[in-house]
Amino acid sequence: MLFPSRWPRPVRLGLYVLAAATLLYLTNAPQADLPGVKADDKVEHATAWFLLTASGYVLSPRRGWAIPLFAALFGVLVEVLQGVLPFGRDAEVGDWIADCVGVAVAVLGYGAWRRTVRR
């Protein structure tokens, strides 16, 4: 049972929900509550959404476009919440674009990996 895609569906779904919930917290928590990490905000967004999308493919590789679609829409949700919640966070279209870049890199990487494995 080394392959996460063979784990029981509730376990895989639970892990993905945990990853998404963690990302939701980290992107909406007051900045004073977060550990100080010195990195460009857009790089952080792209990296986080890359990891969210890649982990979706690892946990459920047969979900095709559902994984990146969810990740991109999740990015919209995060930006809307940042604009609405009173935690001192700002909604930025640029953050969502960075999210989509991370998603796209994961999709392209997964596609390249699948083509390599099929050979």
PDB file of N, CA and C in Angstrom:
ATOM      1  N   MET A   1       0.820  -1.194   0.000  1.00  0.00           N
ATOM      2  CA  MET A   1       0.000   0.000   0.000  1.00  0.00           C
ATOM      3  C   MET A   1       0.863   1.258   0.000  1.00  0.00           C
ATOM      4  N   LEU A   2       1.933   1.205  -0.739  1.00  0.00           N
ATOM      5  CA  LEU A   2       2.801   2.364  -0.834  1.00  0.00           C
ATOM      6  C   LEU A   2       2.239   3.441  -1.744  1.00  0.00           C
ATOM      7  N   PHE A   3       1.368   3.071  -2.653  1.00  0.00           N
ATOM      8  CA  PHE A   3       0.839   4.027  -3.613  1.00  0.00           C
ATOM      9  C   PHE A   3      -0.411   4.694  -3.041  1.00  0.00           C
ATOM     10  N   PRO A   4      -0.361   6.009  -2.802  1.00  0.00           N
ATOM     11  CA  PRO A   4      -1.529   6.687  -2.230  1.00  0.00           C
ATOM     12  C   PRO A   4      -2.791   6.524  -3.065  1.00  0.00           C
ATOM     13  N   SER A   5      -2.652   6.364  -4.380  1.00  0.00           N
ATOM     14  CA  SER A   5      -3.845   6.217  -5.216  1.00  0.00           C
ATOM     15  C   SER A   5      -4.575   4.907  -4.945  1.00  0.00           C
ATOM     16  N   ARG A   6      -3.947   3.994  -4.216  1.00  0.00           N
ATOM     17  CA  ARG A   6      -4.586   2.713  -3.876  1.00  0.00           C
ATOM     18  C   ARG A   6      -5.145   2.702  -2.457  1.00  0.00           C
ATOM     19  N   TRP A   7      -4.954   3.774  -1.723  1.00  0.00           N
ATOM     20  CA  TRP A   7      -5.512   3.858  -0.385  1.00  0.00           C
ATOM     21  C   TRP A   7      -7.029   3.962  -0.492  1.00  0.00           C
ATOM     22  N   PRO A   8      -7.748   3.601   0.567  1.00  0.00           N
ATOM     23  CA  PRO A   8      -9.208   3.720   0.526  1.00  0.00           C
ATOM     24  C   PRO A   8      -9.636   5.162   0.219  1.00  0.00           C
ATOM     25  N   ARG A   9     -10.691   5.290  -0.547  1.00  0.00           N
ATOM     26  CA  ARG A   9     -11.160   6.610  -0.979  1.00  0.00           C
ATOM     27  C   ARG A   9     -11.378   7.584   0.189  1.00  0.00           C
ATOM     28  N   PRO A  10     -11.979   7.168   1.314  1.00  0.00           N
ATOM     29  CA  PRO A  10     -12.165   8.126   2.418  1.00  0.00           C
ATOM     30  C   PRO A  10     -10.835   8.663   2.962  1.00  0.00           C
ATOM     31  N   VAL A  11      -9.807   7.839   2.970  1.00  0.00           N
ATOM     32  CA  VAL A  11      -8.495   8.287   3.443  1.00  0.00           C
ATOM     33  C   VAL A  11      -7.927   9.323   2.479  1.00  0.00           C
ATOM     34  N   ARG A  12      -7.993   9.030   1.186  1.00  0.00           N
ATOM     35  CA  ARG A  12      -7.473   9.968   0.180  1.00  0.00           C
ATOM     36  C   ARG A  12      -8.230  11.287   0.221  1.00  0.00           C
ATOM     37  N   LEU A  13      -9.547  11.207   0.298  1.00  0.00           N
ATOM     38  CA  LEU A  13     -10.360  12.417   0.350  1.00  0.00           C
ATOM     39  C   LEU A  13     -10.062  13.210   1.623  1.00  0.00           C
ATOM     40  N   GLY A  14      -9.919  12.504   2.730  1.00  0.00           N
ATOM     41  CA  GLY A  14      -9.606  13.166   3.993  1.00  0.00           C
ATOM     42  C   GLY A  14      -8.274  13.898   3.952  1.00  0.00           C
ATOM     43  N   LEU A  15      -7.273  13.275   3.350  1.00  0.00           N
ATOM     44  CA  LEU A  15      -5.967  13.926   3.234  1.00  0.00           C
ATOM     45  C   LEU A  15      -6.039  15.166   2.350  1.00  0.00           C
ATOM     46  N   TYR A  16      -6.786  15.078   1.263  1.00  0.00           N
ATOM     47  CA  TYR A  16      -6.902  16.227   0.365  1.00  0.00           C
ATOM     48  C   TYR A  16      -7.684  17.359   1.028  1.00  0.00           C
ATOM     49  N   VAL A  17      -8.741  17.016   1.749  1.00  0.00           N
ATOM     50  CA  VAL A  17      -9.508  18.028   2.474  1.00  0.00           C
ATOM     51  C   VAL A  17      -8.631  18.675   3.542  1.00  0.00           C
ATOM     52  N   LEU A  18      -7.809  17.889   4.213  1.00  0.00           N
ATOM     53  CA  LEU A  18      -6.886  18.434   5.209  1.00  0.00           C
ATOM     54  C   LEU A  18      -5.902  19.408   4.564  1.00  0.00           C
ATOM     55  N   ALA A  19      -5.374  19.045   3.404  1.00  0.00           N
ATOM     56  CA  ALA A  19      -4.450  19.939   2.694  1.00  0.00           C
ATOM     57  C   ALA A  19      -5.152  21.234   2.294  1.00  0.00           C
ATOM     58  N   ALA A  20      -6.363  21.128   1.770  1.00  0.00           N
ATOM     59  CA  ALA A  20      -7.109  22.324   1.360  1.00  0.00           C
ATOM     60  C   ALA A  20      -7.469  23.185   2.569  1.00  0.00           C
ATOM     61  N   ALA A  21      -7.860  22.555   3.669  1.00  0.00           N
ATOM     62  CA  ALA A  21      -8.208  23.307   4.878  1.00  0.00           C
ATOM     63  C   ALA A  21      -6.984  24.027   5.446  1.00  0.00           C
ATOM     64  N   THR A  22      -5.846  23.359   5.417  1.00  0.00           N
ATOM     65  CA  THR A  22      -4.606  23.990   5.882  1.00  0.00           C
ATOM     66  C   THR A  22      -4.270  25.196   5.015  1.00  0.00           C
ATOM     67  N   LEU A  23      -4.399  25.032   3.721  1.00  0.00           N
ATOM     68  CA  LEU A  23      -4.135  26.137   2.800  1.00  0.00           C
ATOM     69  C   LEU A  23      -5.135  27.274   3.021  1.00  0.00           C
ATOM     70  N   LEU A  24      -6.385  26.944   3.254  1.00  0.00           N
ATOM     71  CA  LEU A  24      -7.401  27.962   3.520  1.00  0.00           C
ATOM     72  C   LEU A  24      -7.051  28.750   4.780  1.00  0.00           C
ATOM     73  N   TYR A  25      -6.611  28.046   5.816  1.00  0.00           N
ATOM     74  CA  TYR A  25      -6.208  28.734   7.046  1.00  0.00           C
ATOM     75  C   TYR A  25      -5.001  29.637   6.801  1.00  0.00           C
ATOM     76  N   LEU A  26      -3.979  29.092   6.162  1.00  0.00           N
ATOM     77  CA  LEU A  26      -2.750  29.860   5.957  1.00  0.00           C
ATOM     78  C   LEU A  26      -2.970  31.103   5.097  1.00  0.00           C
ATOM     79  N   THR A  27      -3.907  31.040   4.178  1.00  0.00           N
ATOM     80  CA  THR A  27      -4.141  32.183   3.300  1.00  0.00           C
ATOM     81  C   THR A  27      -5.117  33.197   3.884  1.00  0.00           C
ATOM     82  N   ASN A  28      -5.796  32.846   4.966  1.00  0.00           N
ATOM     83  CA  ASN A  28      -6.774  33.769   5.542  1.00  0.00           C
ATOM     84  C   ASN A  28      -6.500  34.151   6.986  1.00  0.00           C
ATOM     85  N   ALA A  29      -5.533  33.515   7.625  1.00  0.00           N
ATOM     86  CA  ALA A  29      -5.207  33.858   9.003  1.00  0.00           C
ATOM     87  C   ALA A  29      -4.568  35.242   9.048  1.00  0.00           C
ATOM     88  N   PRO A  30      -4.745  35.944  10.158  1.00  0.00           N
ATOM     89  CA  PRO A  30      -4.040  37.218  10.294  1.00  0.00           C
ATOM     90  C   PRO A  30      -2.534  37.004  10.133  1.00  0.00           C
ATOM     91  N   GLN A  31      -1.882  37.892   9.427  1.00  0.00           N
ATOM     92  CA  GLN A  31      -0.466  37.695   9.127  1.00  0.00           C
ATOM     93  C   GLN A  31       0.386  37.642  10.385  1.00  0.00           C
ATOM     94  N   ALA A  32      -0.048  38.289  11.453  1.00  0.00           N
ATOM     95  CA  ALA A  32       0.713  38.260  12.702  1.00  0.00           C
ATOM     96  C   ALA A  32       0.748  36.856  13.300  1.00  0.00           C
ATOM     97  N   ASP A  33      -0.251  36.021  12.972  1.00  0.00           N
ATOM     98  CA  ASP A  33      -0.324  34.661  13.513  1.00  0.00           C
ATOM     99  C   ASP A  33       0.523  33.662  12.740  1.00  0.00           C
ATOM    100  N   LEU A  34       1.047  34.060  11.596  1.00  0.00           N
ATOM    101  CA  LEU A  34       1.784  33.131  10.740  1.00  0.00           C
ATOM    102  C   LEU A  34       3.281  33.253  10.976  1.00  0.00           C
ATOM    103  N   PRO A  35       3.998  32.131  10.837  1.00  0.00           N
ATOM    104  CA  PRO A  35       5.458  32.212  10.977  1.00  0.00           C
ATOM    105  C   PRO A  35       6.040  33.062   9.855  1.00  0.00           C
ATOM    106  N   GLY A  36       7.090  33.784  10.164  1.00  0.00           N
ATOM    107  CA  GLY A  36       7.707  34.662   9.169  1.00  0.00           C
ATOM    108  C   GLY A  36       8.500  33.879   8.136  1.00  0.00           C
ATOM    109  N   VAL A  37       8.036  33.892   6.925  1.00  0.00           N
ATOM    110  CA  VAL A  37       8.746  33.258   5.819  1.00  0.00           C
ATOM    111  C   VAL A  37       9.004  34.346   4.791  1.00  0.00           C
ATOM    112  N   LYS A  38      10.257  34.561   4.482  1.00  0.00           N
ATOM    113  CA  LYS A  38      10.601  35.619   3.533  1.00  0.00           C
ATOM    114  C   LYS A  38      10.616  35.058   2.118  1.00  0.00           C
ATOM    115  N   ALA A  39       9.545  35.279   1.402  1.00  0.00           N
ATOM    116  CA  ALA A  39       9.452  34.859  -0.001  1.00  0.00           C
ATOM    117  C   ALA A  39       8.474  35.790  -0.697  1.00  0.00           C
ATOM    118  N   ASP A  40       8.566  35.854  -1.984  1.00  0.00           N
ATOM    119  CA  ASP A  40       7.639  36.661  -2.758  1.00  0.00           C
ATOM    120  C   ASP A  40       6.237  36.064  -2.645  1.00  0.00           C
ATOM    121  N   ASP A  41       5.256  36.917  -2.419  1.00  0.00           N
ATOM    122  CA  ASP A  41       3.876  36.474  -2.232  1.00  0.00           C
ATOM    123  C   ASP A  41       3.367  35.656  -3.413  1.00  0.00           C
ATOM    124  N   LYS A  42       3.692  36.071  -4.614  1.00  0.00           N
ATOM    125  CA  LYS A  42       3.210  35.356  -5.802  1.00  0.00           C
ATOM    126  C   LYS A  42       3.872  33.988  -5.925  1.00  0.00           C
ATOM    127  N   VAL A  43       5.146  33.906  -5.556  1.00  0.00           N
ATOM    128  CA  VAL A  43       5.843  32.613  -5.568  1.00  0.00           C
ATOM    129  C   VAL A  43       5.214  31.681  -4.536  1.00  0.00           C
ATOM    130  N   GLU A  44       4.870  32.229  -3.375  1.00  0.00           N
ATOM    131  CA  GLU A  44       4.209  31.421  -2.348  1.00  0.00           C
ATOM    132  C   GLU A  44       2.870  30.887  -2.858  1.00  0.00           C
ATOM    133  N   HIS A  45       2.096  31.742  -3.497  1.00  0.00           N
ATOM    134  CA  HIS A  45       0.802  31.307  -4.042  1.00  0.00           C
ATOM    135  C   HIS A  45       0.993  30.221  -5.100  1.00  0.00           C
ATOM    136  N   ALA A  46       1.884  30.456  -6.043  1.00  0.00           N
ATOM    137  CA  ALA A  46       2.108  29.472  -7.113  1.00  0.00           C
ATOM    138  C   ALA A  46       2.577  28.144  -6.532  1.00  0.00           C
ATOM    139  N   THR A  47       3.468  28.196  -5.560  1.00  0.00           N
ATOM    140  CA  THR A  47       3.981  26.969  -4.939  1.00  0.00           C
ATOM    141  C   THR A  47       2.875  26.224  -4.198  1.00  0.00           C
ATOM    142  N   ALA A  48       2.080  26.952  -3.430  1.00  0.00           N
ATOM    143  CA  ALA A  48       1.005  26.314  -2.660  1.00  0.00           C
ATOM    144  C   ALA A  48      -0.015  25.648  -3.579  1.00  0.00           C
ATOM    145  N   TRP A  49      -0.401  26.325  -4.655  1.00  0.00           N
ATOM    146  CA  TRP A  49      -1.404  25.736  -5.558  1.00  0.00           C
ATOM    147  C   TRP A  49      -0.800  24.629  -6.417  1.00  0.00           C
ATOM    148  N   PHE A  50       0.484  24.715  -6.703  1.00  0.00           N
ATOM    149  CA  PHE A  50       1.162  23.593  -7.360  1.00  0.00           C
ATOM    150  C   PHE A  50       1.077  22.365  -6.462  1.00  0.00           C
ATOM    151  N   LEU A  51       1.410  22.532  -5.186  1.00  0.00           N
ATOM    152  CA  LEU A  51       1.384  21.402  -4.249  1.00  0.00           C
ATOM    153  C   LEU A  51      -0.031  20.860  -4.058  1.00  0.00           C
ATOM    154  N   LEU A  52      -1.019  21.747  -3.998  1.00  0.00           N
ATOM    155  CA  LEU A  52      -2.405  21.297  -3.859  1.00  0.00           C
ATOM    156  C   LEU A  52      -2.826  20.463  -5.068  1.00  0.00           C
ATOM    157  N   THR A  53      -2.493  20.935  -6.257  1.00  0.00           N
ATOM    158  CA  THR A  53      -2.863  20.220  -7.478  1.00  0.00           C
ATOM    159  C   THR A  53      -2.082  18.918  -7.610  1.00  0.00           C
ATOM    160  N   ALA A  54      -0.783  18.973  -7.365  1.00  0.00           N
ATOM    161  CA  ALA A  54       0.049  17.771  -7.471  1.00  0.00           C
ATOM    162  C   ALA A  54      -0.392  16.716  -6.465  1.00  0.00           C
ATOM    163  N   SER A  55      -0.711  17.132  -5.247  1.00  0.00           N
ATOM    164  CA  SER A  55      -1.164  16.152  -4.257  1.00  0.00           C
ATOM    165  C   SER A  55      -2.501  15.545  -4.668  1.00  0.00           C
ATOM    166  N   GLY A  56      -3.346  16.320  -5.321  1.00  0.00           N
ATOM    167  CA  GLY A  56      -4.599  15.767  -5.841  1.00  0.00           C
ATOM    168  C   GLY A  56      -4.348  14.682  -6.862  1.00  0.00           C
ATOM    169  N   TYR A  57      -3.385  14.911  -7.751  1.00  0.00           N
ATOM    170  CA  TYR A  57      -3.047  13.894  -8.758  1.00  0.00           C
ATOM    171  C   TYR A  57      -2.413  12.657  -8.114  1.00  0.00           C
ATOM    172  N   VAL A  58      -1.613  12.852  -7.074  1.00  0.00           N
ATOM    173  CA  VAL A  58      -1.000  11.708  -6.389  1.00  0.00           C
ATOM    174  C   VAL A  58      -2.074  10.879  -5.687  1.00  0.00           C
ATOM    175  N   LEU A  59      -3.000  11.560  -5.038  1.00  0.00           N
ATOM    176  CA  LEU A  59      -4.032  10.858  -4.279  1.00  0.00           C
ATOM    177  C   LEU A  59      -5.131  10.275  -5.152  1.00  0.00           C
ATOM    178  N   SER A  60      -5.399  10.896  -6.278  1.00  0.00           N
ATOM    179  CA  SER A  60      -6.497  10.437  -7.131  1.00  0.00           C
ATOM    180  C   SER A  60      -6.188  10.738  -8.594  1.00  0.00           C
ATOM    181  N   PRO A  61      -5.282   9.971  -9.190  1.00  0.00           N
ATOM    182  CA  PRO A  61      -4.807  10.292 -10.540  1.00  0.00           C
ATOM    183  C   PRO A  61      -5.860  10.197 -11.640  1.00  0.00           C
ATOM    184  N   ARG A  62      -6.963   9.547 -11.388  1.00  0.00           N
ATOM    185  CA  ARG A  62      -7.975   9.383 -12.439  1.00  0.00           C
ATOM    186  C   ARG A  62      -9.003  10.513 -12.458  1.00  0.00           C
ATOM    187  N   ARG A  63      -8.802  11.519 -11.668  1.00  0.00           N
ATOM    188  CA  ARG A  63      -9.776  12.614 -11.590  1.00  0.00           C
ATOM    189  C   ARG A  63      -9.612  13.644 -12.701  1.00  0.00           C
ATOM    190  N   GLY A  64      -8.602  13.503 -13.523  1.00  0.00           N
ATOM    191  CA  GLY A  64      -8.438  14.358 -14.702  1.00  0.00           C
ATOM    192  C   GLY A  64      -8.508  15.842 -14.419  1.00  0.00           C
ATOM    193  N   TRP A  65      -9.445  16.503 -15.094  1.00  0.00           N
ATOM    194  CA  TRP A  65      -9.550  17.954 -14.990  1.00  0.00           C
ATOM    195  C   TRP A  65     -10.278  18.417 -13.737  1.00  0.00           C
ATOM    196  N   ALA A  66     -10.865  17.517 -12.982  1.00  0.00           N
ATOM    197  CA  ALA A  66     -11.555  17.927 -11.756  1.00  0.00           C
ATOM    198  C   ALA A  66     -10.578  18.521 -10.745  1.00  0.00           C
ATOM    199  N   ILE A  67      -9.380  17.978 -10.686  1.00  0.00           N
ATOM    200  CA  ILE A  67      -8.395  18.448  -9.707  1.00  0.00           C
ATOM    201  C   ILE A  67      -7.951  19.881 -10.002  1.00  0.00           C
ATOM    202  N   PRO A  68      -7.466  20.181 -11.208  1.00  0.00           N
ATOM    203  CA  PRO A  68      -7.061  21.575 -11.448  1.00  0.00           C
ATOM    204  C   PRO A  68      -8.240  22.549 -11.452  1.00  0.00           C
ATOM    205  N   LEU A  69      -9.408  22.098 -11.874  1.00  0.00           N
ATOM    206  CA  LEU A  69     -10.580  22.970 -11.838  1.00  0.00           C
ATOM    207  C   LEU A  69     -10.921  23.330 -10.396  1.00  0.00           C
ATOM    208  N   PHE A  70     -10.917  22.331  -9.520  1.00  0.00           N
ATOM    209  CA  PHE A  70     -11.166  22.598  -8.104  1.00  0.00           C
ATOM    210  C   PHE A  70     -10.122  23.561  -7.557  1.00  0.00           C
ATOM    211  N   ALA A  71      -8.851  23.322  -7.868  1.00  0.00           N
ATOM    212  CA  ALA A  71      -7.781  24.165  -7.334  1.00  0.00           C
ATOM    213  C   ALA A  71      -7.936  25.616  -7.790  1.00  0.00           C
ATOM    214  N   ALA A  72      -8.255  25.822  -9.058  1.00  0.00           N
ATOM    215  CA  ALA A  72      -8.430  27.186  -9.569  1.00  0.00           C
ATOM    216  C   ALA A  72      -9.628  27.873  -8.904  1.00  0.00           C
ATOM    217  N   LEU A  73     -10.728  27.149  -8.761  1.00  0.00           N
ATOM    218  CA  LEU A  73     -11.908  27.724  -8.104  1.00  0.00           C
ATOM    219  C   LEU A  73     -11.662  27.948  -6.614  1.00  0.00           C
ATOM    220  N   PHE A  74     -10.869  27.086  -6.008  1.00  0.00           N
ATOM    221  CA  PHE A  74     -10.485  27.257  -4.607  1.00  0.00           C
ATOM    222  C   PHE A  74      -9.691  28.552  -4.446  1.00  0.00           C
ATOM    223  N   GLY A  75      -8.855  28.864  -5.438  1.00  0.00           N
ATOM    224  CA  GLY A  75      -8.113  30.124  -5.421  1.00  0.00           C
ATOM    225  C   GLY A  75      -9.045  31.326  -5.450  1.00  0.00           C
ATOM    226  N   VAL A  76     -10.117  31.236  -6.239  1.00  0.00           N
ATOM    227  CA  VAL A  76     -11.118  32.310  -6.273  1.00  0.00           C
ATOM    228  C   VAL A  76     -11.757  32.457  -4.896  1.00  0.00           C
ATOM    229  N   LEU A  77     -12.138  31.333  -4.290  1.00  0.00           N
ATOM    230  CA  LEU A  77     -12.744  31.362  -2.956  1.00  0.00           C
ATOM    231  C   LEU A  77     -11.817  32.035  -1.954  1.00  0.00           C
ATOM    232  N   VAL A  78     -10.550  31.680  -1.981  1.00  0.00           N
ATOM    233  CA  VAL A  78      -9.580  32.264  -1.052  1.00  0.00           C
ATOM    234  C   VAL A  78      -9.515  33.779  -1.227  1.00  0.00           C
ATOM    235  N   GLU A  79      -9.451  34.238  -2.461  1.00  0.00           N
ATOM    236  CA  GLU A  79      -9.361  35.683  -2.703  1.00  0.00           C
ATOM    237  C   GLU A  79     -10.638  36.399  -2.271  1.00  0.00           C
ATOM    238  N   VAL A  80     -11.792  35.791  -2.504  1.00  0.00           N
ATOM    239  CA  VAL A  80     -13.051  36.396  -2.055  1.00  0.00           C
ATOM    240  C   VAL A  80     -13.057  36.497  -0.532  1.00  0.00           C
ATOM    241  N   LEU A  81     -12.666  35.420   0.138  1.00  0.00           N
ATOM    242  CA  LEU A  81     -12.627  35.443   1.604  1.00  0.00           C
ATOM    243  C   LEU A  81     -11.635  36.476   2.120  1.00  0.00           C
ATOM    244  N   GLN A  82     -10.491  36.605   1.464  1.00  0.00           N
ATOM    245  CA  GLN A  82      -9.514  37.604   1.895  1.00  0.00           C
ATOM    246  C   GLN A  82     -10.083  39.015   1.770  1.00  0.00           C
ATOM    247  N   GLY A  83     -10.928  39.233   0.796  1.00  0.00           N
ATOM    248  CA  GLY A  83     -11.531  40.546   0.626  1.00  0.00           C
ATOM    249  C   GLY A  83     -12.671  40.825   1.588  1.00  0.00           C
ATOM    250  N   VAL A  84     -13.269  39.761   2.140  1.00  0.00           N
ATOM    251  CA  VAL A  84     -14.451  39.906   2.986  1.00  0.00           C
ATOM    252  C   VAL A  84     -14.114  39.799   4.473  1.00  0.00           C
ATOM    253  N   LEU A  85     -13.256  38.875   4.841  1.00  0.00           N
ATOM    254  CA  LEU A  85     -12.964  38.639   6.254  1.00  0.00           C
ATOM    255  C   LEU A  85     -12.113  39.770   6.834  1.00  0.00           C
ATOM    256  N   PRO A  86     -12.326  40.082   8.114  1.00  0.00           N
ATOM    257  CA  PRO A  86     -11.628  41.216   8.730  1.00  0.00           C
ATOM    258  C   PRO A  86     -10.270  40.845   9.344  1.00  0.00           C
ATOM    259  N   PHE A  87      -9.423  40.166   8.600  1.00  0.00           N
ATOM    260  CA  PHE A  87      -8.140  39.728   9.147  1.00  0.00           C
ATOM    261  C   PHE A  87      -6.955  40.495   8.584  1.00  0.00           C
ATOM    262  N   GLY A  88      -7.220  41.597   7.916  1.00  0.00           N
ATOM    263  CA  GLY A  88      -6.129  42.397   7.383  1.00  0.00           C
ATOM    264  C   GLY A  88      -5.498  41.824   6.128  1.00  0.00           C
ATOM    265  N   ARG A  89      -6.211  40.952   5.454  1.00  0.00           N
ATOM    266  CA  ARG A  89      -5.719  40.389   4.193  1.00  0.00           C
ATOM    267  C   ARG A  89      -6.418  41.101   3.042  1.00  0.00           C
ATOM    268  N   ASP A  90      -5.752  41.180   1.918  1.00  0.00           N
ATOM    269  CA  ASP A  90      -6.324  41.850   0.750  1.00  0.00           C
ATOM    270  C   ASP A  90      -6.509  40.863  -0.388  1.00  0.00           C
ATOM    271  N   ALA A  91      -7.637  40.965  -1.057  1.00  0.00           N
ATOM    272  CA  ALA A  91      -7.888  40.150  -2.249  1.00  0.00           C
ATOM    273  C   ALA A  91      -7.146  40.776  -3.424  1.00  0.00           C
ATOM    274  N   GLU A  92      -6.457  39.943  -4.196  1.00  0.00           N
ATOM    275  CA  GLU A  92      -5.724  40.428  -5.365  1.00  0.00           C
ATOM    276  C   GLU A  92      -5.923  39.462  -6.527  1.00  0.00           C
ATOM    277  N   VAL A  93      -6.258  40.004  -7.671  1.00  0.00           N
ATOM    278  CA  VAL A  93      -6.373  39.178  -8.871  1.00  0.00           C
ATOM    279  C   VAL A  93      -5.019  38.556  -9.185  1.00  0.00           C
ATOM    280  N   GLY A  94      -3.940  39.284  -8.916  1.00  0.00           N
ATOM    281  CA  GLY A  94      -2.592  38.766  -9.162  1.00  0.00           C
ATOM    282  C   GLY A  94      -2.296  37.505  -8.369  1.00  0.00           C
ATOM    283  N   ASP A  95      -2.846  37.414  -7.155  1.00  0.00           N
ATOM    284  CA  ASP A  95      -2.668  36.194  -6.361  1.00  0.00           C
ATOM    285  C   ASP A  95      -3.364  35.020  -7.038  1.00  0.00           C
ATOM    286  N   TRP A  96      -4.572  35.260  -7.552  1.00  0.00           N
ATOM    287  CA  TRP A  96      -5.295  34.182  -8.228  1.00  0.00           C
ATOM    288  C   TRP A  96      -4.575  33.767  -9.502  1.00  0.00           C
ATOM    289  N   ILE A  97      -4.005  34.721 -10.209  1.00  0.00           N
ATOM    290  CA  ILE A  97      -3.223  34.382 -11.407  1.00  0.00           C
ATOM    291  C   ILE A  97      -2.025  33.526 -11.015  1.00  0.00           C
ATOM    292  N   ALA A  98      -1.369  33.877  -9.913  1.00  0.00           N
ATOM    293  CA  ALA A  98      -0.247  33.063  -9.429  1.00  0.00           C
ATOM    294  C   ALA A  98      -0.725  31.663  -9.045  1.00  0.00           C
ATOM    295  N   ASP A  99      -1.905  31.574  -8.431  1.00  0.00           N
ATOM    296  CA  ASP A  99      -2.489  30.265  -8.114  1.00  0.00           C
ATOM    297  C   ASP A  99      -2.642  29.443  -9.391  1.00  0.00           C
ATOM    298  N   CYS A 100      -3.183  30.072 -10.417  1.00  0.00           N
ATOM    299  CA  CYS A 100      -3.416  29.379 -11.694  1.00  0.00           C
ATOM    300  C   CYS A 100      -2.111  28.976 -12.367  1.00  0.00           C
ATOM    301  N   VAL A 101      -1.066  29.768 -12.191  1.00  0.00           N
ATOM    302  CA  VAL A 101       0.253  29.387 -12.723  1.00  0.00           C
ATOM    303  C   VAL A 101       0.724  28.115 -12.029  1.00  0.00           C
ATOM    304  N   GLY A 102       0.578  28.049 -10.704  1.00  0.00           N
ATOM    305  CA  GLY A 102       0.955  26.839  -9.974  1.00  0.00           C
ATOM    306  C   GLY A 102       0.154  25.631 -10.417  1.00  0.00           C
ATOM    307  N   VAL A 103      -1.142  25.827 -10.627  1.00  0.00           N
ATOM    308  CA  VAL A 103      -2.005  24.744 -11.115  1.00  0.00           C
ATOM    309  C   VAL A 103      -1.540  24.292 -12.494  1.00  0.00           C
ATOM    310  N   ALA A 104      -1.265  25.245 -13.373  1.00  0.00           N
ATOM    311  CA  ALA A 104      -0.846  24.913 -14.743  1.00  0.00           C
ATOM    312  C   ALA A 104       0.474  24.155 -14.758  1.00  0.00           C
ATOM    313  N   VAL A 105       1.414  24.562 -13.916  1.00  0.00           N
ATOM    314  CA  VAL A 105       2.700  23.857 -13.852  1.00  0.00           C
ATOM    315  C   VAL A 105       2.483  22.419 -13.385  1.00  0.00           C
ATOM    316  N   ALA A 106       1.599  22.225 -12.409  1.00  0.00           N
ATOM    317  CA  ALA A 106       1.303  20.868 -11.941  1.00  0.00           C
ATOM    318  C   ALA A 106       0.643  20.038 -13.038  1.00  0.00           C
ATOM    319  N   VAL A 107      -0.294  20.627 -13.764  1.00  0.00           N
ATOM    320  CA  VAL A 107      -0.971  19.906 -14.853  1.00  0.00           C
ATOM    321  C   VAL A 107       0.038  19.514 -15.931  1.00  0.00           C
ATOM    322  N   LEU A 108       0.887  20.456 -16.325  1.00  0.00           N
ATOM    323  CA  LEU A 108       1.897  20.162 -17.348  1.00  0.00           C
ATOM    324  C   LEU A 108       2.891  19.109 -16.861  1.00  0.00           C
ATOM    325  N   GLY A 109       3.303  19.221 -15.611  1.00  0.00           N
ATOM    326  CA  GLY A 109       4.226  18.234 -15.051  1.00  0.00           C
ATOM    327  C   GLY A 109       3.609  16.854 -14.967  1.00  0.00           C
ATOM    328  N   TYR A 110       2.347  16.804 -14.550  1.00  0.00           N
ATOM    329  CA  TYR A 110       1.657  15.517 -14.467  1.00  0.00           C
ATOM    330  C   TYR A 110       1.489  14.908 -15.852  1.00  0.00           C
ATOM    331  N   GLY A 111       1.132  15.741 -16.828  1.00  0.00           N
ATOM    332  CA  GLY A 111       0.989  15.247 -18.203  1.00  0.00           C
ATOM    333  C   GLY A 111       2.298  14.709 -18.750  1.00  0.00           C
ATOM    334  N   ALA A 112       3.395  15.417 -18.500  1.00  0.00           N
ATOM    335  CA  ALA A 112       4.714  14.957 -18.960  1.00  0.00           C
ATOM    336  C   ALA A 112       5.092  13.653 -18.271  1.00  0.00           C
ATOM    337  N   TRP A 113       4.811  13.561 -16.989  1.00  0.00           N
ATOM    338  CA  TRP A 113       5.125  12.338 -16.249  1.00  0.00           C
ATOM    339  C   TRP A 113       4.307  11.164 -16.788  1.00  0.00           C
ATOM    340  N   ARG A 114       3.026  11.389 -17.056  1.00  0.00           N
ATOM    341  CA  ARG A 114       2.177  10.314 -17.597  1.00  0.00           C
ATOM    342  C   ARG A 114       2.672   9.840 -18.956  1.00  0.00           C
ATOM    343  N   ARG A 115       3.084  10.769 -19.811  1.00  0.00           N
ATOM    344  CA  ARG A 115       3.609  10.375 -21.124  1.00  0.00           C
ATOM    345  C   ARG A 115       4.893   9.572 -20.975  1.00  0.00           C
ATOM    346  N   THR A 116       5.729   9.921 -20.017  1.00  0.00           N
ATOM    347  CA  THR A 116       6.977   9.196 -19.787  1.00  0.00           C
ATOM    348  C   THR A 116       6.697   7.791 -19.268  1.00  0.00           C
ATOM    349  N   VAL A 117       5.745   7.660 -18.370  1.00  0.00           N
ATOM    350  CA  VAL A 117       5.409   6.362 -17.779  1.00  0.00           C
ATOM    351  C   VAL A 117       4.796   5.432 -18.816  1.00  0.00           C
ATOM    352  N   ARG A 118       4.027   5.956 -19.733  1.00  0.00           N
ATOM    353  CA  ARG A 118       3.361   5.127 -20.748  1.00  0.00           C
ATOM    354  C   ARG A 118       4.332   4.526 -21.749  1.00  0.00           C
ATOM    355  N   ARG A 119       5.510   5.095 -21.888  1.00  0.00           N
ATOM    356  CA  ARG A 119       6.465   4.595 -22.895  1.00  0.00           C
ATOM    357  C   ARG A 119       7.071   3.304 -22.506  1.00  0.00           C
TER     358      ARG A 119
END
